[in-house]
Protein backbone atom coordinates (compact mmCIF):
# COMPACT_ATOMS: atom_id res chain seq x y z
CA MET A 1 67.77 97.96 92.31
CA THR A 2 64.71 95.71 92.55
CA THR A 3 63.23 94.01 95.57
CA THR A 4 61.14 90.92 96.23
CA PRO A 5 58.69 90.27 99.06
CA PHE A 6 60.53 89.64 102.29
CA ASN A 7 60.01 86.47 104.27
CA ALA A 8 62.54 85.90 107.03
CA ASP A 9 61.58 82.22 107.27
CA THR A 10 62.45 81.41 103.68
CA PRO A 11 65.69 79.40 103.63
CA VAL A 12 68.38 80.08 101.06
CA SER A 13 69.51 76.81 99.55
CA ARG A 14 73.18 76.65 98.67
CA PRO A 15 75.26 73.55 98.01
CA ALA A 16 77.89 72.91 100.66
CA PRO A 17 81.29 73.74 99.20
CA GLY A 18 84.10 71.22 99.37
CA ALA A 19 87.30 71.82 101.31
CA LEU A 20 89.32 72.84 98.23
CA THR A 21 86.48 74.93 96.82
CA ARG A 22 86.35 76.94 100.06
CA LEU A 23 89.95 78.02 99.45
CA TRP A 24 88.78 80.03 96.44
CA GLN A 25 85.02 80.57 96.75
CA ARG A 26 84.74 82.76 99.85
CA ASP A 27 81.35 84.48 99.40
CA LEU A 28 78.95 84.67 102.34
CA ALA A 29 75.26 84.43 101.46
CA HIS A 30 74.20 86.10 104.72
CA TYR A 31 75.59 89.00 106.71
CA PRO A 32 77.67 87.37 109.51
CA ASP A 33 76.74 87.52 113.16
CA THR A 34 78.75 89.76 115.49
CA GLY A 35 81.33 87.17 116.53
CA ARG A 36 82.20 86.09 113.01
CA ARG A 37 82.15 89.67 111.74
CA TYR A 38 84.70 90.70 114.37
CA ALA A 39 86.82 87.66 113.47
CA TYR A 40 86.90 88.64 109.80
CA LEU A 41 87.75 92.24 110.71
CA ALA A 42 90.55 91.01 112.99
CA ILE A 43 92.03 88.85 110.22
CA VAL A 44 91.99 91.79 107.80
CA VAL A 45 93.71 94.05 110.34
CA LEU A 46 96.30 91.35 111.14
CA THR A 47 96.89 90.92 107.41
CA THR A 48 97.47 94.63 106.99
CA ILE A 49 99.90 94.76 109.92
CA VAL A 50 102.07 91.94 108.65
CA LEU A 51 102.10 93.17 105.06
CA TYR A 52 103.28 96.62 106.11
CA TYR A 53 105.83 94.99 108.39
CA ALA A 54 107.16 93.14 105.34
CA LEU A 55 107.12 96.32 103.24
CA TYR A 56 108.70 98.70 105.77
CA ILE A 57 111.41 96.43 107.14
CA GLN A 58 113.89 97.52 104.46
CA TYR A 59 113.74 101.14 105.60
CA ALA A 60 114.68 100.20 109.15
CA VAL A 61 117.90 98.60 107.91
CA ALA A 62 118.45 101.05 105.06
CA THR A 63 122.07 101.87 105.80
CA SER A 64 122.97 98.18 106.06
CA ILE A 65 121.34 97.37 102.70
CA ILE A 66 123.07 100.35 101.04
CA THR A 67 126.42 99.16 102.38
CA HIS A 68 125.87 95.50 101.45
CA PHE A 69 124.97 96.18 97.82
CA HIS A 70 127.32 99.18 97.48
CA MET A 71 124.31 101.28 96.47
CA THR A 72 124.35 105.00 96.24
CA TYR A 73 121.80 106.71 98.47
CA ARG A 74 120.04 107.99 95.35
CA TYR A 75 119.76 104.43 94.03
CA PHE A 76 118.18 103.26 97.29
CA ILE A 77 115.69 106.11 97.03
CA TRP A 78 114.82 104.94 93.53
CA VAL A 79 114.20 101.44 94.84
CA SER A 80 111.45 103.02 96.94
CA VAL A 81 110.24 105.21 94.06
CA VAL A 82 109.91 102.27 91.67
CA GLY A 83 108.25 100.08 94.31
CA ASN A 84 105.63 102.71 95.06
CA ALA A 85 105.04 103.54 91.40
CA VAL A 86 104.42 99.87 90.63
CA GLY A 87 102.15 99.70 93.68
CA ALA A 88 100.17 102.69 92.39
CA PHE A 89 99.21 100.94 89.17
CA ALA A 90 98.56 97.70 91.05
CA SER A 91 96.00 99.68 93.06
CA LEU A 92 94.12 100.41 89.83
CA ILE A 93 94.08 96.69 89.01
CA ALA A 94 92.68 96.06 92.48
CA GLY A 95 89.68 98.20 91.50
CA LEU A 96 88.46 95.03 89.82
CA ALA A 97 87.82 93.69 93.33
CA ASP A 98 84.28 95.09 92.93
CA ARG A 99 83.74 92.33 90.38
CA TRP A 100 86.31 89.68 91.35
CA GLY A 101 86.03 89.94 95.11
CA ARG A 102 88.47 91.10 97.76
CA ALA A 103 89.40 88.13 99.93
CA ASN A 104 91.43 86.12 97.41
CA MET A 105 93.49 89.18 96.52
CA VAL A 106 94.40 89.51 100.18
CA VAL A 107 95.01 85.82 100.89
CA TYR A 108 97.24 85.05 97.94
CA GLY A 109 98.89 88.44 98.14
CA LEU A 110 100.13 87.36 101.57
CA LEU A 111 101.60 84.18 100.09
CA VAL A 112 103.50 86.00 97.35
CA THR A 113 104.79 88.68 99.72
CA GLY A 114 105.93 86.14 102.32
CA LEU A 115 107.92 84.19 99.73
CA LEU A 116 109.51 87.32 98.28
CA VAL A 117 110.58 88.69 101.67
CA LEU A 118 111.71 85.35 103.11
CA PHE A 119 113.61 83.99 100.10
CA GLY A 120 113.86 86.70 97.43
CA LEU A 121 115.13 89.97 98.91
CA PRO A 122 117.69 88.51 101.37
CA ASN A 123 119.26 86.47 98.54
CA ALA A 124 119.24 89.17 95.87
CA SER A 125 122.36 88.87 93.72
CA GLY A 126 122.85 92.61 93.31
CA GLU A 127 121.23 96.01 93.49
CA LEU A 128 119.24 95.53 90.26
CA SER A 129 117.72 92.22 91.35
CA TYR A 130 116.94 93.77 94.74
CA LEU A 131 115.09 96.62 92.99
CA ILE A 132 113.07 94.19 90.85
CA LEU A 133 112.12 92.01 93.82
CA PHE A 134 111.11 95.01 95.90
CA ALA A 135 108.99 96.27 92.99
CA LEU A 136 107.13 92.95 93.10
CA VAL A 137 106.52 93.44 96.83
CA GLY A 138 105.22 96.94 96.02
CA PHE A 139 102.90 95.48 93.38
CA VAL A 140 101.26 93.15 95.89
CA GLU A 141 101.07 95.90 98.52
CA GLY A 142 99.28 98.15 96.03
CA ILE A 143 96.59 95.53 95.52
CA VAL A 144 96.17 94.82 99.22
CA LEU A 145 96.01 98.56 99.98
CA VAL A 146 92.69 98.56 98.11
CA ALA A 147 91.32 95.13 98.97
CA THR A 148 91.74 95.30 102.76
CA PRO A 149 89.90 98.62 103.41
CA ALA A 150 87.20 97.42 101.02
CA LEU A 151 86.71 94.36 103.25
CA ILE A 152 86.67 96.58 106.33
CA ARG A 153 83.98 98.72 104.72
CA ASP A 154 81.91 95.64 103.80
CA PHE A 155 81.92 94.31 107.37
CA SER A 156 81.33 97.66 109.12
CA PRO A 157 78.07 99.65 108.91
CA GLN A 158 78.49 103.42 108.67
CA LEU A 159 77.73 104.02 112.34
CA GLY A 160 80.68 101.80 113.31
CA ARG A 161 82.84 102.62 110.30
CA ALA A 162 85.30 105.01 111.94
CA THR A 163 86.14 102.49 114.67
CA ALA A 164 86.67 99.73 112.11
CA MET A 165 88.75 102.00 109.91
CA GLY A 166 90.68 103.06 113.00
CA TYR A 167 91.69 99.45 113.47
CA TRP A 168 92.52 99.11 109.76
CA THR A 169 94.67 102.24 109.75
CA MET A 170 96.53 100.71 112.67
CA GLY A 171 97.82 98.22 110.08
CA PRO A 172 100.57 100.39 108.59
CA VAL A 173 101.18 102.02 111.97
CA LEU A 174 101.46 98.76 113.90
CA GLY A 175 103.45 97.36 110.98
CA SER A 176 105.90 100.20 111.55
CA LEU A 177 105.81 99.59 115.31
CA VAL A 178 106.58 95.91 114.79
CA VAL A 179 109.49 96.89 112.53
CA THR A 180 111.01 99.27 115.04
CA THR A 181 110.33 97.01 118.03
CA VAL A 182 111.88 93.95 116.42
CA THR A 183 114.88 95.78 114.98
CA SER A 184 115.60 97.79 118.12
CA SER A 185 115.61 94.50 120.06
CA THR A 186 117.51 92.27 117.61
CA LEU A 187 119.81 94.37 115.40
CA ASN A 188 122.68 94.06 117.85
CA SER A 189 122.79 90.32 117.11
CA SER A 190 121.04 89.98 113.72
CA SER A 191 121.92 90.92 110.15
CA TRP A 192 119.63 92.82 107.79
CA GLN A 193 118.92 89.50 106.07
CA ASP A 194 117.74 88.06 109.40
CA GLU A 195 115.36 90.98 109.84
CA LEU A 196 113.78 90.24 106.44
CA HIS A 197 113.57 86.54 107.32
CA TYR A 198 111.58 87.38 110.46
CA ALA A 199 109.13 89.46 108.42
CA GLY A 200 108.74 86.77 105.76
CA ILE A 201 108.00 84.05 108.31
CA ALA A 202 105.40 86.24 110.06
CA THR A 203 103.70 86.93 106.71
CA LEU A 204 103.44 83.25 105.82
CA ILE A 205 101.95 82.41 109.22
CA VAL A 206 99.20 84.99 108.72
CA PHE A 207 98.69 83.65 105.18
CA LEU A 208 97.83 80.22 106.62
CA VAL A 209 95.30 81.78 108.99
CA SER A 210 93.61 83.83 106.27
CA LEU A 211 93.68 80.93 103.79
CA VAL A 212 91.45 78.91 106.08
CA ALA A 213 89.34 81.56 107.78
CA LEU A 214 88.90 84.72 105.67
CA ARG A 215 85.55 85.24 103.90
CA GLU A 216 83.74 88.14 102.22
CA LEU A 217 80.19 89.27 101.55
CA SER A 218 78.51 88.24 98.33
CA PRO A 219 78.16 91.08 95.78
CA ARG A 220 74.42 91.41 96.46
CA LEU A 221 75.12 92.13 100.13
CA ARG A 222 78.21 94.31 99.84
CA ASP A 223 76.80 96.48 97.03
CA GLN A 224 74.35 98.17 99.39
CA ILE A 225 74.67 100.95 101.94
CA MET A 226 74.37 99.67 105.50
CA VAL A 227 74.03 102.48 108.03
CA SER A 228 73.67 100.38 111.18
CA LEU A 229 73.44 96.71 112.13
CA ARG A 230 69.69 97.18 112.43
CA ASP A 231 69.67 97.40 108.62
CA ARG A 232 70.76 93.77 108.34
CA ALA A 233 67.31 92.33 107.70
CA LEU A 234 66.55 94.94 105.04
CA VAL A 235 69.92 94.47 103.32
CA GLU A 236 69.42 90.70 103.13
CA ALA A 237 65.86 91.11 101.91
CA ARG A 238 66.92 93.48 99.15
CA ALA A 239 69.78 91.14 98.20
CA LYS A 240 67.32 88.32 97.39
CA GLY A 241 65.74 90.35 94.64
CA MET A 242 68.72 92.40 93.47
CA ASP A 243 69.48 92.38 89.77
CA LEU A 244 73.25 92.12 90.08
CA ALA A 245 73.89 92.67 86.37
CA GLU A 246 72.00 95.96 86.57
CA VAL A 247 73.94 97.09 89.63
CA GLU A 248 77.30 96.31 88.01
CA SER A 249 76.47 97.73 84.60
CA GLY A 250 77.47 101.32 85.45
CA ASN A 251 80.91 102.71 84.71
CA HIS A 252 82.46 102.67 88.17
CA TRP A 253 85.55 104.57 87.10
CA ARG A 254 83.53 107.41 85.61
CA GLN A 255 81.39 107.58 88.75
CA MET A 256 84.53 108.04 90.86
CA MET A 257 85.94 110.90 88.78
CA ARG A 258 84.51 113.48 91.18
CA LEU A 259 86.12 116.32 93.12
CA ASP A 260 85.04 114.90 96.47
CA VAL A 261 86.67 111.53 95.67
CA ILE A 262 89.82 112.59 93.81
CA GLY A 263 90.35 115.81 95.77
CA SER A 264 90.02 114.23 99.20
CA ALA A 265 92.28 111.30 98.18
CA PHE A 266 94.97 113.74 97.08
CA ALA A 267 94.49 115.79 100.25
CA ILE A 268 95.08 112.89 102.63
CA SER A 269 98.08 111.78 100.57
CA ILE A 270 99.89 115.11 100.98
CA PHE A 271 98.77 115.31 104.62
CA LEU A 272 100.71 112.07 105.19
CA LEU A 273 104.01 113.36 103.75
CA LEU A 274 105.48 113.46 107.25
CA TYR A 275 104.34 109.88 107.87
CA PHE A 276 106.01 108.74 104.64
CA ALA A 277 109.18 110.55 105.66
CA ALA A 278 109.06 108.87 109.07
CA VAL A 279 108.86 105.44 107.44
CA GLY A 280 111.46 106.00 104.76
CA ASN A 281 113.86 108.64 106.06
CA PHE A 282 113.97 108.84 109.85
CA VAL A 283 116.94 106.45 109.99
CA VAL A 284 118.88 108.61 107.53
CA TYR A 285 117.77 111.88 109.16
CA PHE A 286 118.67 110.99 112.74
CA SER A 287 121.87 109.14 111.81
CA THR A 288 123.25 112.00 109.70
CA VAL A 289 122.04 114.95 111.82
CA PHE A 290 122.24 113.55 115.36
CA GLY A 291 124.56 110.55 114.97
CA TYR A 292 121.97 107.97 116.12
CA SER A 293 122.47 104.30 115.30
CA GLU A 294 119.80 102.36 113.37
CA GLN A 295 118.79 100.70 116.64
CA ARG A 296 118.42 104.01 118.50
CA VAL A 297 116.38 105.60 115.70
CA ASN A 298 113.98 102.65 115.64
CA ALA A 299 113.60 102.83 119.40
CA LEU A 300 112.76 106.55 119.12
CA ALA A 301 110.21 105.89 116.37
CA ASN A 302 108.38 103.48 118.69
CA TRP A 303 106.97 106.53 120.49
CA TYR A 304 105.43 107.81 117.26
CA TRP A 305 103.90 104.50 116.16
CA ALA A 306 102.55 103.56 119.59
CA ALA A 307 100.88 106.94 120.12
CA ASN A 308 99.47 106.90 116.59
CA ALA A 309 98.05 103.38 116.96
CA ILE A 310 96.22 104.21 120.20
CA ALA A 311 94.89 107.49 118.81
CA LEU A 312 93.50 105.82 115.69
CA VAL A 313 91.22 103.55 117.74
CA VAL A 314 90.19 106.20 120.26
CA ALA A 315 89.40 108.68 117.47
CA GLY A 316 87.36 106.06 115.62
CA LEU A 317 85.32 105.22 118.71
CA ALA A 318 84.66 108.89 119.48
CA SER A 319 83.76 109.67 115.88
CA ASP A 320 81.22 106.83 115.77
CA ARG A 321 79.74 107.81 119.10
CA LEU A 322 79.19 111.42 117.99
CA LYS A 323 78.34 110.31 114.41
CA VAL A 324 80.58 112.99 112.83
CA ARG A 325 83.97 112.89 111.10
CA LYS A 326 84.86 116.41 110.01
CA PRO A 327 85.38 118.04 113.43
CA PHE A 328 87.92 115.35 114.34
CA MET A 329 89.77 115.82 111.05
CA LEU A 330 89.88 119.60 111.52
CA VAL A 331 91.19 119.50 115.10
CA GLY A 332 93.71 116.77 114.26
CA ALA A 333 95.05 118.54 111.18
CA VAL A 334 95.43 121.96 112.82
CA GLY A 335 97.11 120.42 115.87
CA SER A 336 99.43 118.37 113.68
CA ILE A 337 100.49 121.50 111.78
CA VAL A 338 101.46 123.21 115.04
CA VAL A 339 103.46 120.28 116.47
CA THR A 340 105.16 119.53 113.15
CA LEU A 341 106.23 123.18 112.95
CA ILE A 342 107.86 122.87 116.38
CA PHE A 343 109.60 119.69 115.18
CA ALA A 344 110.83 121.40 112.00
CA LEU A 345 112.28 124.31 113.95
CA SER A 346 114.16 121.82 116.15
CA ALA A 347 115.80 120.21 113.11
CA THR A 348 118.71 122.66 113.16
CA HIS A 349 119.48 122.31 116.87
CA ALA A 350 121.99 119.52 117.52
CA ARG A 351 121.33 119.77 121.27
CA THR A 352 117.68 118.68 120.94
CA GLY A 353 117.42 115.62 123.17
CA TYR A 354 116.07 112.14 122.60
CA TYR A 355 113.07 112.57 124.92
CA THR A 356 112.24 115.99 123.48
CA PHE A 357 111.82 114.26 120.12
CA ALA A 358 109.86 111.48 121.82
CA TRP A 359 107.29 113.97 123.16
CA MET A 360 107.01 115.62 119.75
CA PHE A 361 106.42 112.24 118.16
CA ILE A 362 103.71 111.43 120.68
CA GLY A 363 101.94 114.69 119.79
CA ILE A 364 102.27 114.16 116.03
CA GLY A 365 101.16 110.53 116.36
CA VAL A 366 98.05 111.36 118.41
CA LEU A 367 96.97 114.22 116.15
CA GLY A 368 97.62 112.18 113.00
CA GLY A 369 95.42 109.39 114.37
CA LEU A 370 92.71 111.90 115.23
CA THR A 371 92.68 112.91 111.56
CA TYR A 372 93.19 109.68 109.67
CA ALA A 373 90.67 107.21 111.14
CA PRO A 374 87.68 109.57 110.70
CA TRP A 375 88.97 110.46 107.23
CA MET A 376 88.95 106.82 106.11
CA ALA A 377 85.37 106.45 107.32
CA SER A 378 84.31 109.67 105.63
CA PHE A 379 86.03 108.72 102.37
CA THR A 380 84.23 105.37 102.08
CA GLU A 381 80.96 107.14 102.88
CA THR A 382 81.73 109.71 100.18
CA VAL A 383 82.26 106.87 97.69
CA GLU A 384 79.05 105.15 98.82
CA LYS A 385 77.16 108.39 98.17
CA HIS A 386 77.91 107.95 94.46
CA ASN A 387 77.63 104.14 94.25
CA PRO A 388 78.11 101.59 97.05
CA ALA A 389 78.87 98.92 94.43
CA ALA A 390 81.95 100.93 93.38
CA THR A 391 83.66 100.89 96.78
CA ALA A 392 86.78 99.07 95.61
CA THR A 393 86.98 101.33 92.56
CA GLY A 394 86.87 104.43 94.77
CA LEU A 395 89.53 102.93 97.03
CA ALA A 396 91.58 102.08 93.92
CA VAL A 397 91.55 105.77 92.96
CA TRP A 398 92.75 106.62 96.48
CA GLY A 399 95.36 103.84 96.39
CA TRP A 400 96.73 105.03 93.05
CA ILE A 401 96.97 108.65 94.18
CA ILE A 402 98.60 107.90 97.54
CA ARG A 403 101.22 105.57 95.99
CA ILE A 404 102.05 108.18 93.31
CA VAL A 405 102.46 110.83 96.02
CA VAL A 406 104.74 108.49 97.98
CA ALA A 407 106.84 107.80 94.87
CA VAL A 408 107.14 111.47 93.91
CA SER A 409 107.92 112.58 97.45
CA ALA A 410 110.59 109.87 97.78
CA ALA A 411 112.17 111.02 94.52
CA PHE A 412 112.26 114.63 95.70
CA VAL A 413 113.83 114.00 99.12
CA PRO A 414 117.42 113.84 97.75
CA VAL A 415 116.65 116.84 95.52
CA VAL A 416 115.68 118.97 98.52
CA VAL A 417 118.01 117.31 101.04
CA THR A 418 121.12 117.45 98.84
CA SER A 419 123.34 116.88 101.87
CA ALA A 420 121.97 113.39 102.53
CA THR A 421 123.64 111.72 99.55
CA PRO A 422 127.31 112.54 100.39
CA LEU A 423 126.74 111.87 104.10
CA VAL A 424 125.12 108.46 103.54
CA GLU A 425 127.56 107.41 100.83
CA HIS A 426 130.84 108.77 102.24
CA GLY A 427 130.19 110.06 105.75
CA GLN A 428 131.17 106.85 107.51
CA ALA A 429 134.29 106.40 105.36
CA VAL A 430 135.42 109.96 106.08
CA ALA A 431 134.77 109.57 109.82
CA THR A 432 136.75 106.30 109.86
CA ALA A 433 139.59 107.86 107.90
CA GLU A 434 139.75 110.83 110.26
CA ALA A 435 139.91 108.51 113.28
CA GLN A 436 142.63 106.28 111.79
CA ALA A 437 144.70 109.07 110.25
CA GLY A 438 144.48 111.56 113.12
CA PRO A 439 148.24 111.85 113.87
CA ALA A 440 149.11 111.95 110.15
CA LEU A 441 146.44 114.55 109.49
CA ALA A 442 147.84 116.74 112.27
CA ILE A 443 151.31 116.56 110.71
CA VAL A 444 149.98 117.42 107.22
CA ASN A 445 147.93 120.34 108.58
CA ALA A 446 151.04 121.69 110.36
CA HIS A 447 153.02 121.76 107.08
CA PRO A 448 150.46 122.32 104.30
CA GLN A 449 152.85 123.85 101.75
CA LEU A 450 155.48 121.14 102.18
CA PHE A 451 153.01 118.28 101.69
CA ALA A 452 151.38 120.08 98.77
CA GLU A 453 154.80 120.04 97.06
CA LEU A 454 155.43 116.38 98.02
CA ALA A 455 152.04 115.41 96.55
CA LYS A 456 153.27 116.51 93.10
CA TYR A 457 155.73 113.60 92.93
CA PRO A 458 155.52 109.80 93.27
CA PRO A 459 157.14 108.58 96.52
CA THR A 460 160.20 107.23 94.62
CA ALA A 461 160.73 110.39 92.53
CA VAL A 462 160.83 113.15 95.15
CA PRO A 463 163.72 115.57 94.43
CA PRO A 464 166.58 115.16 96.96
CA ALA A 465 166.41 118.80 98.05
CA LEU A 466 162.68 118.54 98.77
CA GLN A 467 163.21 115.22 100.55
CA ALA A 468 165.90 116.77 102.75
CA GLN A 469 163.62 119.70 103.54
CA ALA A 470 160.85 117.28 104.57
CA VAL A 471 163.19 115.33 106.85
CA GLN A 472 164.41 118.54 108.43
CA GLN A 473 160.92 120.02 109.05
CA VAL A 474 158.94 116.86 109.90
CA GLY A 475 161.49 114.17 110.77
CA VAL A 476 161.68 110.58 109.55
CA PRO A 477 159.09 109.20 112.06
CA GLY A 478 156.61 111.87 111.03
CA LEU A 479 157.09 111.14 107.33
CA LEU A 480 156.59 107.40 107.97
CA THR A 481 153.38 108.15 109.87
CA VAL A 482 152.05 110.17 106.92
CA GLN A 483 153.16 107.49 104.44
CA LYS A 484 151.29 104.70 106.30
CA ALA A 485 148.12 106.80 106.38
CA GLN A 486 148.07 107.51 102.61
CA PRO A 487 144.88 105.43 101.93
CA GLN A 488 142.97 107.29 104.65
CA LEU A 489 144.37 110.65 103.57
CA ALA A 490 143.29 109.90 99.99
CA VAL A 491 139.71 109.36 101.22
CA LEU A 492 139.84 112.64 103.11
CA GLN A 493 141.27 114.44 100.12
CA GLN A 494 138.59 113.10 97.78
CA TYR A 495 135.50 113.35 100.01
CA GLY A 496 136.46 115.28 103.12
CA THR A 497 135.49 118.77 101.92
CA THR A 498 132.22 117.55 100.38
CA VAL A 499 131.22 115.67 103.53
CA GLN A 500 132.19 118.59 105.74
CA LYS A 501 129.99 120.97 103.72
CA ALA A 502 127.12 118.45 103.65
CA ALA A 503 127.29 118.05 107.44
CA LYS A 504 127.00 121.81 107.81
CA ASP A 505 124.05 122.07 105.38
CA ASN A 506 122.26 118.89 106.49
CA PRO A 507 120.05 120.21 109.34
CA GLY A 508 118.83 123.11 107.21
CA ASN A 509 118.10 120.84 104.24
CA TRP A 510 115.98 118.55 106.38
CA ARG A 511 114.18 121.52 107.92
CA THR A 512 113.16 122.55 104.39
CA TRP A 513 111.66 119.10 103.80
CA TRP A 514 109.77 119.26 107.08
CA PHE A 515 108.30 122.59 105.90
CA VAL A 516 107.17 120.81 102.72
CA CYS A 517 105.37 118.28 104.94
CA ILE A 518 103.69 121.13 106.83
CA ALA A 519 102.51 122.65 103.53
CA GLY A 520 100.88 119.31 102.70
CA GLN A 521 99.00 119.36 106.00
CA VAL A 522 97.80 122.92 105.37
CA LEU A 523 96.53 122.02 101.86
CA PHE A 524 94.57 119.13 103.38
CA LEU A 525 92.22 121.49 105.22
CA PRO A 526 90.08 122.91 102.35
CA PHE A 527 89.15 119.43 101.09
CA LEU A 528 87.36 118.63 104.35
CA PHE A 529 84.44 120.68 103.09
CA VAL A 530 83.75 118.56 100.00
CA MET A 531 83.51 115.20 101.79
CA ALA A 532 80.31 113.48 102.93
CA GLY A 533 79.11 113.88 106.50
CA ARG A 534 77.82 116.41 108.97
CA TRP A 535 79.72 118.89 111.11
CA SER A 536 77.06 118.91 113.84
CA PRO A 537 76.55 115.83 116.05
CA LYS A 538 72.92 116.90 116.55
CA LYS A 539 72.23 116.94 112.81
CA ALA A 540 74.01 113.63 112.38
CA ARG A 541 71.89 112.05 115.11
CA GLU A 542 68.71 113.35 113.44
CA ASP A 543 69.86 111.83 110.13
CA ALA A 544 70.39 108.46 111.79
CA GLU A 545 66.94 108.56 113.39
CA GLU A 546 65.30 109.46 110.08
CA HIS A 547 67.15 106.65 108.34
CA GLN A 548 65.98 104.13 110.92
CA ARG A 549 62.38 105.31 110.50
CA LEU A 550 62.57 104.72 106.75
CA VAL A 551 64.14 101.27 107.24
CA ASP A 552 61.35 100.26 109.61
CA LEU A 553 58.74 101.44 107.09
CA GLU A 554 60.35 99.49 104.23
CA LEU A 555 60.64 96.32 106.31
CA ALA A 556 57.00 96.64 107.34
CA ALA A 557 55.96 97.06 103.71
CA MET A 558 57.98 94.01 102.68
CA ALA A 559 56.50 91.92 105.48
CA ALA A 560 52.99 93.01 104.54
CA GLY A 561 53.60 92.23 100.88
CA GLY A 562 54.99 88.82 101.72
CA GLY A 563 52.02 88.05 103.95
CA GLN A 564 49.46 89.02 101.29
CA GLU A 565 51.22 86.89 98.70
CA GLY A 566 51.22 83.98 101.09
CA ASP A 567 47.42 84.38 101.78
CA GLY A 568 46.68 84.35 98.09
CA GLN A 569 48.65 81.18 97.52
CA SER A 570 47.00 79.33 100.39
CA GLY A 571 43.51 80.29 99.24
């Protein structure tokens, strides 16, 4: 990096862009003032919320989509697996945002997602077309997953980074909260297609806002480390003399292949296994174990998302105030392990009440927020330690890893929770058949040997002696009752035993998966020690003071150099 003499009075001449040009060329030549900076951050957060709303809405109406397309539960899981796998590789493409910029990826990603969710998914012709369209949504989400936190990093100095990242991490959480709030309020009168329409319209509205208003820092500004807003003058001064080709000439991917980058990205991904399960499987879990409707499950999940959203911001503010990240991550992770263990042990108790789960979700949400917002700040600071110009590349590595973990975990849920597939696919049909064929079933169960013999013959070919025996033991009305219920009895004969066994095994299967989630949280802990940042608030404060002293010295030297050059020219 090279510098030129600093003169704050020297204007930077740039041609005024036309209206159409502004829709593509979004670079800012100067670091924005506080009001505009907050506006850009707010747009990025709003963008993230609506994109995750559009992505997660399908999980809130999972059982309705499965029924509509006659999918197997395993097929629906693979819709999620494919979508996340495509999103993982899209995250790698988004690493090019270091060279191409971030804002356009976000703006036009909103447009594509809005159109897909509003017109594509609700009108899918079958399960294959639905899978393909959802994979396209996953592709866009994978790109935005990288571009939006990169923008947050650009507009937030390190000493305010955790707060800004707290707001960004509210994106998926508030997206989930919007999903559950809207569906719990409207599903009694709306179809699953309507729910997707609502999400698509919301996405397109935010697209229009970002199309007009969203901007990003020029490469010369964003490719520097900014510790506090007091660094603004120095960052702009350095940017005037920066050799951008030299800054971008390094191999960003190679620079990010470090234990502290890859290891910590993997660690947070497995820490969030419970979060991924909450998004993708809570409807199935609570409907099959506790008999909750989609609407009731989404209402219950509101407690989780609301607590998590508040905790993310509070944790970010506290982390920035104390200037440390790691203590928050440690306390949050250990606490989350304890509460998740209590939740897992409750998975086998059918008497566990709605509000007991609500309190558990509040605890898990708060502790997850305490961990995640400081982690996002620490991760970007870890990337900056290697090369601030490679921020999007570092976030692309994280985005790829987290999407792969989501895809793999989604694929393994039906492998571990073997009971879910028969319950989702046939549980409702068996329950309906039992309700409709109750009297007939009672008659069959009272004479099992007789009806086993009758089942060996077509209704018109029953031997007279056997027919007479049936009339004598059951009576004509009873035989007619059984005959009318043959379709329901056939369902019970084909699936009844399987569903009954699955219902018995289901709570224990889910408890095993919750233990897998706990293992992920435990494995997160060792990677705290490889990330950037202090453990001691006192040491962190001393670092900030030393940094400010060096900034003041460099600005003074630049000012002195600029003044001497000016004297020489005037003489």
